[in-house]
Protein backbone atom coordinates (compact mmCIF):
# COMPACT_ATOMS: atom_id res chain seq x y z
CA MET A 1 15.67 -5.60 -23.25
CA HIS A 2 12.71 -3.16 -23.42
CA LEU A 3 11.48 -5.27 -20.62
CA LEU A 4 14.25 -4.04 -18.46
CA GLY A 5 13.68 -0.21 -18.54
CA LEU A 6 10.05 -0.85 -16.69
CA TYR A 7 11.48 -1.82 -13.65
CA ASN A 8 9.18 0.62 -11.46
CA TYR A 9 6.83 -1.83 -12.73
CA TRP A 10 8.85 -4.80 -12.05
CA VAL A 11 8.84 -3.34 -8.89
CA VAL A 12 5.41 -2.89 -8.33
CA ILE A 13 4.46 -6.81 -8.91
CA PHE A 14 6.82 -7.63 -6.67
CA LEU A 15 5.60 -5.43 -3.83
CA GLN A 16 1.66 -6.45 -4.32
CA MET A 17 2.73 -10.25 -4.39
CA LEU A 18 4.73 -10.05 -1.28
CA GLY A 19 2.11 -7.75 0.34
CA PHE A 20 -0.58 -10.11 -0.42
CA TYR A 21 1.57 -13.16 -0.02
CA THR A 22 1.82 -11.52 3.57
CA LEU A 23 -2.09 -11.05 4.24
CA ILE A 24 -2.87 -14.21 3.27
CA ALA A 25 0.08 -16.84 4.94
CA ARG A 26 0.57 -14.83 8.36
CA GLY A 27 -1.74 -15.38 11.15
CA ASN A 28 -0.84 -12.38 13.15
CA LEU A 29 -2.77 -9.84 12.77
CA VAL A 30 -0.08 -6.98 12.97
CA LYS A 31 1.74 -8.84 10.51
CA LYS A 32 -1.47 -8.74 8.26
CA LEU A 33 -1.61 -4.99 8.98
CA VAL A 34 2.37 -4.94 7.54
CA GLY A 35 0.83 -6.91 4.49
CA LEU A 36 -1.74 -4.25 3.92
CA THR A 37 0.44 -1.83 4.04
CA ILE A 38 3.36 -2.97 1.73
CA PHE A 39 0.20 -4.17 -0.98
CA GLN A 40 -0.96 -0.30 -0.47
CA THR A 41 2.28 0.68 -1.25
CA SER A 42 2.87 -0.36 -4.36
CA VAL A 43 -0.37 0.63 -5.87
CA PHE A 44 0.91 4.06 -4.80
CA ILE A 45 4.10 3.65 -6.94
CA LEU A 46 1.63 2.21 -9.90
CA PHE A 47 0.07 5.46 -9.98
CA ILE A 48 2.99 7.65 -9.30
CA SER A 49 4.19 5.63 -12.11
CA MET A 50 1.16 5.91 -14.63
CA GLY A 51 1.39 9.50 -14.05
CA LYS A 52 4.76 10.60 -15.07
CA VAL A 53 5.51 11.62 -18.83
CA SER A 54 8.94 10.74 -20.01
CA GLY A 55 10.30 14.44 -20.52
CA GLY A 56 7.73 16.38 -19.06
CA THR A 57 7.72 18.83 -16.63
CA ALA A 58 5.72 20.26 -14.00
CA PRO A 59 2.67 21.68 -15.46
CA ILE A 60 3.49 25.56 -15.09
CA ILE A 61 3.26 27.39 -18.40
CA ALA A 62 6.54 28.63 -19.43
CA PRO A 63 8.70 29.27 -22.47
CA GLY A 64 9.80 26.52 -24.14
CA PHE A 65 8.04 23.81 -22.70
CA HIS A 66 5.65 21.86 -24.34
CA VAL A 67 5.10 18.48 -22.61
CA TYR A 68 3.59 18.50 -18.99
CA SER A 69 3.38 15.74 -16.57
CA ASN A 70 -0.39 15.27 -15.14
CA PRO A 71 -0.67 16.19 -11.55
CA LEU A 72 -3.60 14.78 -10.54
CA PRO A 73 -2.26 11.17 -9.92
CA SER A 74 0.16 13.02 -7.18
CA VAL A 75 -2.28 14.97 -5.61
CA LEU A 76 -4.49 11.60 -5.22
CA ILE A 77 -2.03 9.54 -4.30
CA LEU A 78 -1.20 12.42 -1.44
CA THR A 79 -4.96 11.97 0.02
CA ALA A 80 -4.48 8.38 -0.44
CA ILE A 81 -1.25 7.85 1.96
CA VAL A 82 -3.37 10.22 4.77
CA VAL A 83 -6.54 7.65 4.65
CA GLY A 84 -3.88 4.83 4.01
CA ILE A 85 -2.01 6.27 7.79
CA ALA A 86 -5.47 6.91 9.61
CA THR A 87 -7.08 2.86 8.15
CA VAL A 88 -3.22 1.48 9.57
CA ALA A 89 -3.31 3.32 12.99
CA LEU A 90 -7.40 2.03 13.36
CA GLY A 91 -6.47 -1.25 12.43
CA LEU A 92 -3.48 -1.17 15.23
CA ALA A 93 -5.98 0.32 17.94
CA LEU A 94 -8.26 -2.83 17.13
CA VAL A 95 -4.95 -5.36 17.29
CA VAL A 96 -4.63 -3.54 20.53
CA ARG A 97 -7.87 -3.67 21.50
CA ILE A 98 -8.00 -7.36 20.79
CA LYS A 99 -5.02 -8.05 22.43
CA GLU A 100 -6.23 -6.72 25.88
CA ALA A 101 -9.65 -8.50 25.44
CA TYR A 102 -8.25 -11.89 23.73
CA GLY A 103 -4.89 -11.92 25.12
CA THR A 104 -3.28 -13.37 21.54
CA VAL A 105 -3.27 -11.56 18.28
CA GLU A 106 -3.07 -14.96 16.78
CA GLU A 107 -5.88 -15.66 14.31
CA ASP A 108 -6.00 -19.50 15.14
CA GLU A 109 -6.35 -18.70 18.55
CA LEU A 110 -8.83 -16.62 18.00
CA TYR A 111 -10.71 -18.67 16.02
CA GLY A 112 -10.30 -21.66 18.55
CA ARG A 113 -11.45 -19.61 21.12
CA ASP A 114 -14.87 -18.84 19.33
CA GLU A 115 -15.40 -21.92 18.43
CA ARG A 116 -14.98 -23.03 22.19
CA ASP A 117 -17.11 -20.22 23.43
């Protein structure tokens, strides 16, 4: 029953596999970006889960507290969220430009058009 206590890690594994499957199995570029975002979110959850100390409090020195959680993973994840949002925005902008230039966002149609030209 100890494995059920680690449910957040099971959620991370499930989200990573879901995001990775979406990334490799779908031909639509927007769906690929959604899969990449799901995978990225699972990594955020993993880092936050590893940074939490059982029974720990915020790192504010006060009488009666002896166990503290490390704030560094949370700070790094905040930075990663900002970078992730910028990356997805850039990816979506590129998808819009590809749609305008080629008339499709399906990977197979883009490869077929490239081979014909």
